[in-house]
Amino acid sequence: MAGSSTDLAYRDAVALVTPQIEAVVDFVTEHPELAHEETETSGYLVEQLRGAGYSVTTGIAGMPMAFRAELAFGTTGRTVGVVAVYDAPASINSEGAVEPVHSCGHGPQAGGVIGAALALARIGDELSGTVVIVGCPADEIHSPMTRRQGSGKALTADHGVWDSIDFALYPHPEFIDTVWPSSLWMRRETARVIGQRTLRRDVISTPLRALANVTTIAEAFDPAMLIIETVIVDGDVEESAGMTFEASFLLFAKTELELDERAAELHELLGPASWTSSAAIAGVRPDAAVTAVVGDAFRAAGREFDSSPPALGFATDFGNVTQVARAALVGVGREGGWRYHTAEGAEQFAGPAGRDVAVATAEVIGLSVIRLCAATEL
């Protein structure tokens, strides 16, 4: 483990780069972009990392807005990867249109990760190992391009980006300081029914029957385990003209087997349809040793670490990363939490609270990286 003098030097470095951390928060917040469309934000983050001496490769894992930035501190030590995210949720405005709004904390998240990278570079002569910043687009599962192309962390895992990395960290603003030990599995199930329009009571339209069954589905499932994402019915208006029903459902479960069982129940309740399934988002796989190291980093940053958090009641594609690398899903807390995906939340993340949690993230993540890089026997 790194000594206290290294911790102090690192925290001093974070203080020096705090104006840059705040500038990253402001830039990302002021340039909201939807998933896989993060042209300005991705380019800006790459520029900050290259300016600090990182070797950066863009367009990784088949995603133009993804990047991998690496800086080696010596010939010994471990390799630690840290996720940066920078897309904005696909919010629905007062006129019903989709627009990007940074209401999920990705400005402070990116600011904290880039801040850690800049501060580590300043004291690199005192460190061992290698740090890798992996820029992952498309964190938001409901964004149009995420639904079509997939999510960034899952795609980087699929393309082997994490295969050579010993430990992976993904921080996010939360309501407590912790490492989440688990998350839900998730899969998107999409149904399509092709039939005919009818203007008669004594004739069944299969698309309309499927539509009626959506109400049955909503009543049958725990709303925390099934989200009716979209439902579209379309077709000509004449008797016996063509008509279609399309619906997508987000399914959640504690295990992959339970996810399969839930999907089978959904299919049965909807009735005859053509189904397509997305790749599964895996549940987070915990690592007690990595969690202990991150907990020590929280304490070194002067923060209390909650070692027994409640269950994480949603899915994250960082779960896919944890299937290929030892990892920690890190929550950096704020008393009272955040109003995610709301106008109030957007104001919180854009204001002083967002800047504060970005600096706290930089401290905790950098101190974690220092410890993990040096942990040759972990």
Protein backbone atom coordinates (compact mmCIF):
# COMPACT_ATOMS: atom_id res chain seq x y z
CA MET A 1 0.00 0.00 0.00
CA ALA A 2 1.07 3.56 -0.62
CA GLY A 3 2.37 5.48 2.38
CA SER A 4 0.71 8.49 3.96
CA SER A 5 3.25 10.86 2.36
CA THR A 6 2.09 9.69 -1.07
CA ASP A 7 -1.53 10.17 -0.03
CA LEU A 8 -0.77 13.73 1.08
CA ALA A 9 1.10 14.46 -2.14
CA TYR A 10 -1.81 13.13 -4.15
CA ARG A 11 -4.41 15.16 -2.25
CA ASP A 12 -2.24 18.26 -2.76
CA ALA A 13 -2.22 17.45 -6.49
CA VAL A 14 -6.02 17.23 -6.50
CA ALA A 15 -6.17 20.67 -4.89
CA LEU A 16 -3.94 22.02 -7.65
CA VAL A 17 -6.10 20.57 -10.45
CA THR A 18 -9.43 21.50 -8.84
CA PRO A 19 -9.95 24.38 -11.32
CA GLN A 20 -9.57 21.87 -14.16
CA ILE A 21 -11.96 19.46 -12.45
CA GLU A 22 -14.56 22.20 -12.20
CA ALA A 23 -13.93 23.19 -15.83
CA VAL A 24 -14.64 19.59 -16.93
CA VAL A 25 -17.87 19.54 -14.91
CA ASP A 26 -18.95 22.81 -16.51
CA PHE A 27 -17.99 21.79 -20.05
CA VAL A 28 -19.79 18.44 -19.94
CA THR A 29 -22.84 20.02 -18.31
CA GLU A 30 -22.97 22.79 -20.91
CA HIS A 31 -22.59 20.37 -23.84
CA PRO A 32 -25.31 17.73 -23.32
CA GLU A 33 -25.17 15.04 -25.98
CA LEU A 34 -27.12 11.81 -26.37
CA ALA A 35 -25.58 8.35 -26.31
CA HIS A 36 -23.06 7.60 -29.08
CA GLU A 37 -23.29 11.26 -30.16
CA GLU A 38 -20.88 12.73 -27.57
CA THR A 39 -18.64 14.42 -30.14
CA GLU A 40 -17.75 17.56 -28.19
CA THR A 41 -17.50 16.03 -24.74
CA SER A 42 -15.45 13.03 -25.83
CA GLY A 43 -13.07 15.28 -27.76
CA TYR A 44 -12.71 17.63 -24.80
CA LEU A 45 -11.89 14.84 -22.35
CA VAL A 46 -9.34 13.36 -24.75
CA GLU A 47 -7.70 16.78 -25.05
CA GLN A 48 -7.38 17.05 -21.26
CA LEU A 49 -5.78 13.62 -20.99
CA ARG A 50 -3.33 14.12 -23.85
CA GLY A 51 -2.31 17.42 -22.31
CA ALA A 52 -1.37 15.56 -19.12
CA GLY A 53 0.84 13.08 -20.97
CA TYR A 54 -1.58 10.20 -21.52
CA SER A 55 -1.35 8.08 -24.65
CA VAL A 56 -4.88 8.09 -26.07
CA THR A 57 -6.54 5.82 -28.61
CA THR A 58 -9.94 6.93 -29.87
CA GLY A 59 -12.71 4.97 -31.56
CA ILE A 60 -12.17 1.82 -29.51
CA ALA A 61 -14.61 -1.12 -29.36
CA GLY A 62 -16.24 0.02 -32.59
CA MET A 63 -17.53 3.24 -30.98
CA PRO A 64 -16.32 6.56 -32.45
CA MET A 65 -16.94 8.37 -29.15
CA ALA A 66 -15.08 5.86 -26.97
CA PHE A 67 -11.42 6.15 -25.99
CA ARG A 68 -8.63 4.50 -24.01
CA ALA A 69 -6.04 6.72 -22.30
CA GLU A 70 -2.99 5.14 -20.65
CA LEU A 71 -0.14 6.39 -18.47
CA ALA A 72 2.55 4.11 -17.00
CA PHE A 73 4.28 5.13 -13.78
CA GLY A 74 7.03 2.51 -13.90
CA THR A 75 7.97 -0.96 -15.02
CA THR A 76 6.36 -2.67 -12.02
CA GLY A 77 2.91 -2.66 -10.50
CA ARG A 78 -0.61 -3.46 -11.60
CA THR A 79 -2.90 -1.91 -14.21
CA VAL A 80 -6.03 -0.13 -13.02
CA GLY A 81 -8.79 1.00 -15.36
CA VAL A 82 -11.31 3.71 -14.51
CA VAL A 83 -14.57 4.34 -16.39
CA ALA A 84 -15.51 7.85 -17.52
CA VAL A 85 -19.06 8.47 -18.79
CA TYR A 86 -20.31 11.64 -20.46
CA ASP A 87 -23.63 11.15 -22.25
CA ALA A 88 -26.79 12.95 -21.17
CA PRO A 89 -30.13 11.23 -20.53
CA ALA A 90 -32.73 11.34 -23.28
CA SER A 91 -35.17 13.56 -21.43
CA ILE A 92 -38.71 14.38 -22.51
CA ASN A 93 -39.32 18.13 -22.48
CA SER A 94 -42.58 20.00 -21.86
CA GLU A 95 -43.48 19.68 -25.54
CA GLY A 96 -42.96 15.91 -25.58
CA ALA A 97 -39.73 16.00 -27.58
CA VAL A 98 -36.52 14.16 -26.71
CA GLU A 99 -33.62 16.36 -25.67
CA PRO A 100 -30.35 15.70 -23.83
CA VAL A 101 -30.21 17.06 -20.27
CA HIS A 102 -27.42 16.31 -17.78
CA SER A 103 -29.59 15.16 -14.90
CA CYS A 104 -27.72 11.96 -13.94
CA GLY A 105 -24.39 13.32 -12.71
CA HIS A 106 -22.16 12.57 -15.67
CA GLY A 107 -20.61 16.04 -15.56
CA PRO A 108 -19.29 15.50 -12.00
CA GLN A 109 -18.51 11.85 -12.81
CA ALA A 110 -16.32 12.80 -15.77
CA GLY A 111 -14.84 15.71 -13.83
CA GLY A 112 -13.86 13.42 -10.97
CA VAL A 113 -12.31 10.74 -13.20
CA ILE A 114 -10.38 13.19 -15.37
CA GLY A 115 -9.34 15.08 -12.23
CA ALA A 116 -7.94 11.86 -10.76
CA ALA A 117 -6.06 11.21 -13.99
CA LEU A 118 -4.53 14.71 -13.98
CA ALA A 119 -3.55 14.54 -10.32
CA LEU A 120 -1.97 11.09 -10.73
CA ALA A 121 0.09 12.37 -13.63
CA ARG A 122 1.46 15.17 -11.42
CA ILE A 123 2.95 12.71 -8.89
CA GLY A 124 3.71 9.88 -11.31
CA ASP A 125 7.37 9.74 -10.26
CA GLU A 126 6.24 8.52 -6.82
CA LEU A 127 3.96 5.77 -8.16
CA SER A 128 4.10 2.30 -9.68
CA GLY A 129 1.83 0.55 -12.15
CA THR A 130 -0.34 1.88 -14.95
CA VAL A 131 -3.63 3.78 -14.99
CA VAL A 132 -6.05 3.47 -17.90
CA ILE A 133 -9.01 5.81 -18.37
CA VAL A 134 -11.69 4.16 -20.50
CA GLY A 135 -14.14 6.63 -22.00
CA CYS A 136 -17.46 4.83 -22.34
CA PRO A 137 -20.30 6.44 -24.33
CA ALA A 138 -23.92 5.46 -23.99
CA ASP A 139 -24.45 4.92 -20.30
CA GLU A 140 -28.15 5.79 -20.54
CA ILE A 141 -30.12 2.68 -21.52
CA HIS A 142 -33.17 4.49 -22.89
CA SER A 143 -31.34 6.73 -25.37
CA PRO A 144 -32.22 5.95 -29.00
CA MET A 145 -28.68 5.04 -30.08
CA THR A 146 -28.06 2.92 -26.98
CA ARG A 147 -31.14 0.90 -27.82
CA ARG A 148 -29.91 0.38 -31.38
CA GLN A 149 -26.16 -0.07 -30.86
CA GLY A 150 -25.68 -1.12 -27.24
CA SER A 151 -24.18 0.48 -24.16
CA GLY A 152 -20.59 1.61 -23.83
CA LYS A 153 -19.29 -0.39 -20.88
CA ALA A 154 -20.87 -3.61 -22.14
CA LEU A 155 -19.42 -3.08 -25.62
CA THR A 156 -15.93 -2.40 -24.27
CA ALA A 157 -16.18 -5.62 -22.26
CA ASP A 158 -17.34 -7.53 -25.36
CA HIS A 159 -14.42 -6.14 -27.40
CA GLY A 160 -11.74 -7.13 -24.89
CA VAL A 161 -10.85 -3.62 -23.71
CA TRP A 162 -10.68 -4.78 -20.09
CA ASP A 163 -8.91 -8.10 -20.68
CA SER A 164 -5.42 -6.75 -19.89
CA ILE A 165 -6.58 -4.63 -16.93
CA ASP A 166 -6.14 -6.03 -13.43
CA PHE A 167 -8.71 -3.90 -11.61
CA ALA A 168 -11.61 -1.77 -12.83
CA LEU A 169 -13.31 1.13 -11.03
CA TYR A 170 -16.52 2.90 -11.91
CA PRO A 171 -17.45 5.84 -9.66
CA HIS A 172 -20.79 7.63 -9.68
CA PRO A 173 -22.44 10.28 -7.49
CA GLU A 174 -24.61 8.57 -4.87
CA PHE A 175 -26.21 9.14 -1.48
CA ILE A 176 -23.58 7.21 0.52
CA ASP A 177 -19.86 6.48 0.29
CA THR A 178 -19.69 2.81 -0.59
CA VAL A 179 -18.89 0.01 -3.01
CA TRP A 180 -22.06 -1.64 -4.26
CA PRO A 181 -21.80 -5.43 -3.86
CA SER A 182 -24.42 -6.33 -6.45
CA SER A 183 -26.86 -5.05 -9.04
CA LEU A 184 -29.73 -6.47 -11.05
CA TRP A 185 -29.53 -8.29 -14.35
CA MET A 186 -31.38 -6.64 -17.23
CA ARG A 187 -32.50 -7.41 -20.76
CA ARG A 188 -34.65 -5.62 -23.32
CA GLU A 189 -37.38 -7.75 -24.89
CA THR A 190 -39.04 -6.41 -28.04
CA ALA A 191 -42.24 -7.84 -29.49
CA ARG A 192 -43.69 -7.36 -32.97
CA VAL A 193 -47.15 -8.45 -34.10
CA ILE A 194 -48.27 -8.07 -37.73
CA GLY A 195 -51.98 -8.27 -38.43
CA GLN A 196 -54.93 -6.40 -39.83
CA ARG A 197 -57.09 -3.47 -38.91
CA THR A 198 -60.74 -4.27 -38.37
CA LEU A 199 -63.76 -2.01 -38.00
CA ARG A 200 -65.95 -4.88 -36.76
CA ARG A 201 -66.66 -6.12 -33.26
CA ASP A 202 -66.83 -9.79 -34.27
CA VAL A 203 -63.31 -9.87 -35.82
CA ILE A 204 -60.11 -10.05 -33.79
CA SER A 205 -57.18 -7.81 -34.68
CA THR A 206 -54.03 -9.49 -33.37
CA PRO A 207 -52.14 -6.17 -32.94
CA LEU A 208 -55.00 -4.76 -30.88
CA ARG A 209 -55.22 -7.95 -28.84
CA ALA A 210 -51.52 -7.61 -28.04
CA LEU A 211 -52.13 -3.99 -27.07
CA ALA A 212 -54.90 -5.02 -24.67
CA ASN A 213 -52.60 -7.62 -23.12
CA VAL A 214 -50.08 -4.90 -22.18
CA THR A 215 -52.46 -3.91 -19.37
CA THR A 216 -52.43 -7.49 -18.10
CA ILE A 217 -48.63 -7.48 -18.17
CA ALA A 218 -48.44 -4.24 -16.19
CA GLU A 219 -50.68 -5.71 -13.50
CA ALA A 220 -48.88 -9.07 -13.37
CA PHE A 221 -45.31 -7.82 -12.83
CA ASP A 222 -43.60 -5.93 -10.05
CA PRO A 223 -43.08 -2.48 -11.65
CA ALA A 224 -39.52 -2.50 -10.32
CA MET A 225 -38.82 -5.64 -12.35
CA LEU A 226 -40.52 -4.76 -15.63
CA ILE A 227 -40.66 -1.40 -17.37
CA ILE A 228 -42.95 -0.95 -20.36
CA GLU A 229 -40.54 1.14 -22.40
CA THR A 230 -42.42 1.83 -25.64
CA VAL A 231 -45.64 0.71 -27.31
CA ILE A 232 -46.48 1.60 -30.91
CA VAL A 233 -49.56 0.60 -32.89
CA ASP A 234 -49.71 1.67 -36.52
CA GLY A 235 -51.52 0.79 -39.71
CA ASP A 236 -53.95 1.77 -42.45
CA VAL A 237 -57.47 2.76 -41.43
CA GLU A 238 -59.53 0.60 -43.78
CA GLU A 239 -61.13 -2.74 -42.97
CA SER A 240 -58.58 -5.60 -43.32
CA ALA A 241 -55.72 -3.18 -44.02
CA GLY A 242 -52.26 -3.98 -42.63
CA MET A 243 -51.48 -3.11 -39.01
CA THR A 244 -48.55 -3.59 -36.65
CA PHE A 245 -47.94 -3.65 -32.91
CA GLU A 246 -44.44 -3.12 -31.50
CA ALA A 247 -43.48 -2.93 -27.84
CA SER A 248 -40.25 -3.01 -25.88
CA PHE A 249 -39.95 -4.08 -22.26
CA LEU A 250 -37.03 -3.77 -19.86
CA LEU A 251 -36.82 -6.83 -17.65
CA PHE A 252 -34.87 -6.95 -14.38
CA ALA A 253 -33.95 -9.89 -12.15
CA LYS A 254 -31.50 -10.94 -9.46
CA THR A 255 -30.03 -13.76 -11.58
CA GLU A 256 -29.72 -14.64 -15.23
CA LEU A 257 -31.94 -17.70 -14.75
CA GLU A 258 -34.62 -15.55 -13.14
CA LEU A 259 -34.33 -13.17 -16.09
CA ASP A 260 -35.02 -16.03 -18.51
CA GLU A 261 -38.02 -17.14 -16.44
CA ARG A 262 -39.40 -13.60 -16.37
CA ALA A 263 -39.00 -13.30 -20.14
CA ALA A 264 -40.91 -16.55 -20.68
CA GLU A 265 -43.76 -15.23 -18.52
CA LEU A 266 -43.82 -11.97 -20.48
CA HIS A 267 -43.99 -13.80 -23.81
CA GLU A 268 -46.87 -15.94 -22.64
CA LEU A 269 -48.90 -13.00 -21.32
CA LEU A 270 -48.52 -10.94 -24.48
CA GLY A 271 -49.56 -13.77 -26.77
CA PRO A 272 -48.28 -14.75 -30.22
CA ALA A 273 -45.53 -12.39 -31.38
CA SER A 274 -42.09 -12.26 -32.94
CA TRP A 275 -39.57 -11.52 -30.20
CA THR A 276 -36.04 -10.14 -30.21
CA SER A 277 -33.85 -9.98 -27.13
CA SER A 278 -30.93 -7.67 -26.46
CA ALA A 279 -27.72 -8.95 -24.94
CA ALA A 280 -28.08 -9.27 -21.20
CA ILE A 281 -26.67 -6.65 -18.86
CA ALA A 282 -24.99 -8.71 -16.16
CA GLY A 283 -25.25 -8.16 -12.44
CA VAL A 284 -22.19 -6.72 -10.72
CA ARG A 285 -19.81 -9.40 -9.47
CA PRO A 286 -18.39 -8.31 -6.09
CA ASP A 287 -14.73 -8.52 -5.08
CA ALA A 288 -14.12 -8.28 -1.34
CA ALA A 289 -10.41 -7.52 -1.64
CA VAL A 290 -10.89 -4.64 -4.09
CA THR A 291 -13.75 -3.32 -1.95
CA ALA A 292 -11.47 -3.27 1.09
CA VAL A 293 -8.85 -1.26 -0.80
CA VAL A 294 -11.42 1.28 -1.95
CA GLY A 295 -12.76 1.52 1.60
CA ASP A 296 -9.26 2.36 2.80
CA ALA A 297 -9.03 5.05 0.12
CA PHE A 298 -12.29 6.62 1.34
CA ARG A 299 -10.88 6.79 4.85
CA ALA A 300 -7.62 8.29 3.59
CA ALA A 301 -9.71 10.98 1.90
CA GLY A 302 -11.33 11.76 5.26
CA ARG A 303 -14.69 10.22 4.38
CA GLU A 304 -16.75 7.55 6.13
CA PHE A 305 -17.13 4.30 4.22
CA ASP A 306 -20.37 2.34 4.38
CA SER A 307 -19.33 -1.32 4.17
CA SER A 308 -22.90 -2.66 4.33
CA PRO A 309 -24.93 -0.79 1.71
CA PRO A 310 -28.48 -1.74 0.73
CA ALA A 311 -29.02 -3.69 -2.46
CA LEU A 312 -28.64 -1.71 -5.68
CA GLY A 313 -32.12 -1.89 -7.19
CA PHE A 314 -31.25 -1.39 -10.86
CA ALA A 315 -28.91 -2.66 -13.56
CA THR A 316 -25.66 -1.17 -14.87
CA ASP A 317 -23.59 -2.40 -17.77
CA PHE A 318 -20.54 -2.10 -15.53
CA GLY A 319 -21.75 -5.53 -14.44
CA ASN A 320 -20.42 -6.83 -17.77
CA VAL A 321 -17.01 -5.34 -16.99
CA THR A 322 -16.97 -7.10 -13.62
CA GLN A 323 -17.33 -10.42 -15.43
CA VAL A 324 -13.88 -9.97 -17.02
CA ALA A 325 -11.94 -7.88 -14.45
CA ARG A 326 -11.81 -7.60 -10.69
CA ALA A 327 -13.76 -4.48 -9.97
CA ALA A 328 -15.59 -2.05 -7.71
CA LEU A 329 -18.71 -0.01 -8.44
CA VAL A 330 -17.98 3.04 -6.29
CA GLY A 331 -20.62 5.38 -4.90
CA VAL A 332 -19.43 8.83 -3.81
CA GLY A 333 -22.06 10.14 -1.48
CA ARG A 334 -23.84 13.38 -0.70
CA GLU A 335 -26.15 13.84 2.25
CA GLY A 336 -29.70 13.83 0.93
CA GLY A 337 -28.68 12.22 -2.35
CA TRP A 338 -29.63 13.53 -5.77
CA ARG A 339 -32.83 13.99 -7.77
CA TYR A 340 -31.75 11.86 -10.72
CA HIS A 341 -33.36 12.45 -14.13
CA THR A 342 -35.27 15.53 -13.03
CA ALA A 343 -34.89 19.27 -13.56
CA GLU A 344 -33.98 19.60 -9.88
CA GLY A 345 -31.27 16.98 -10.31
CA ALA A 346 -29.84 18.80 -13.30
CA GLU A 347 -29.51 21.94 -11.16
CA GLN A 348 -27.86 19.97 -8.35
CA PHE A 349 -25.24 18.43 -10.60
CA ALA A 350 -24.54 21.71 -12.41
CA GLY A 351 -24.11 23.66 -9.17
CA PRO A 352 -21.70 23.69 -6.20
CA ALA A 353 -22.80 20.22 -5.06
CA GLY A 354 -21.80 18.76 -8.42
CA ARG A 355 -18.37 20.40 -8.30
CA ASP A 356 -17.86 19.22 -4.72
CA VAL A 357 -18.67 15.59 -5.54
CA ALA A 358 -16.36 15.75 -8.57
CA VAL A 359 -13.45 16.78 -6.34
CA ALA A 360 -14.37 14.09 -3.80
CA THR A 361 -14.50 11.53 -6.61
CA ALA A 362 -11.06 12.57 -7.82
CA GLU A 363 -9.65 12.09 -4.32
CA VAL A 364 -11.23 8.69 -3.67
CA ILE A 365 -10.56 7.24 -7.10
CA GLY A 366 -6.96 8.44 -7.28
CA LEU A 367 -6.19 7.10 -3.80
CA SER A 368 -7.79 3.81 -4.84
CA VAL A 369 -5.69 3.68 -8.02
CA ILE A 370 -2.49 4.32 -6.05
CA ARG A 371 -3.27 1.45 -3.70
CA LEU A 372 -4.37 -1.00 -6.37
CA CYS A 373 -1.38 -0.27 -8.62
CA ALA A 374 0.92 -1.08 -5.70
CA ALA A 375 -1.02 -4.17 -4.56
CA THR A 376 1.11 -6.78 -6.30
CA GLU A 377 -0.09 -9.57 -3.99
CA LEU A 378 -3.83 -8.74 -4.11
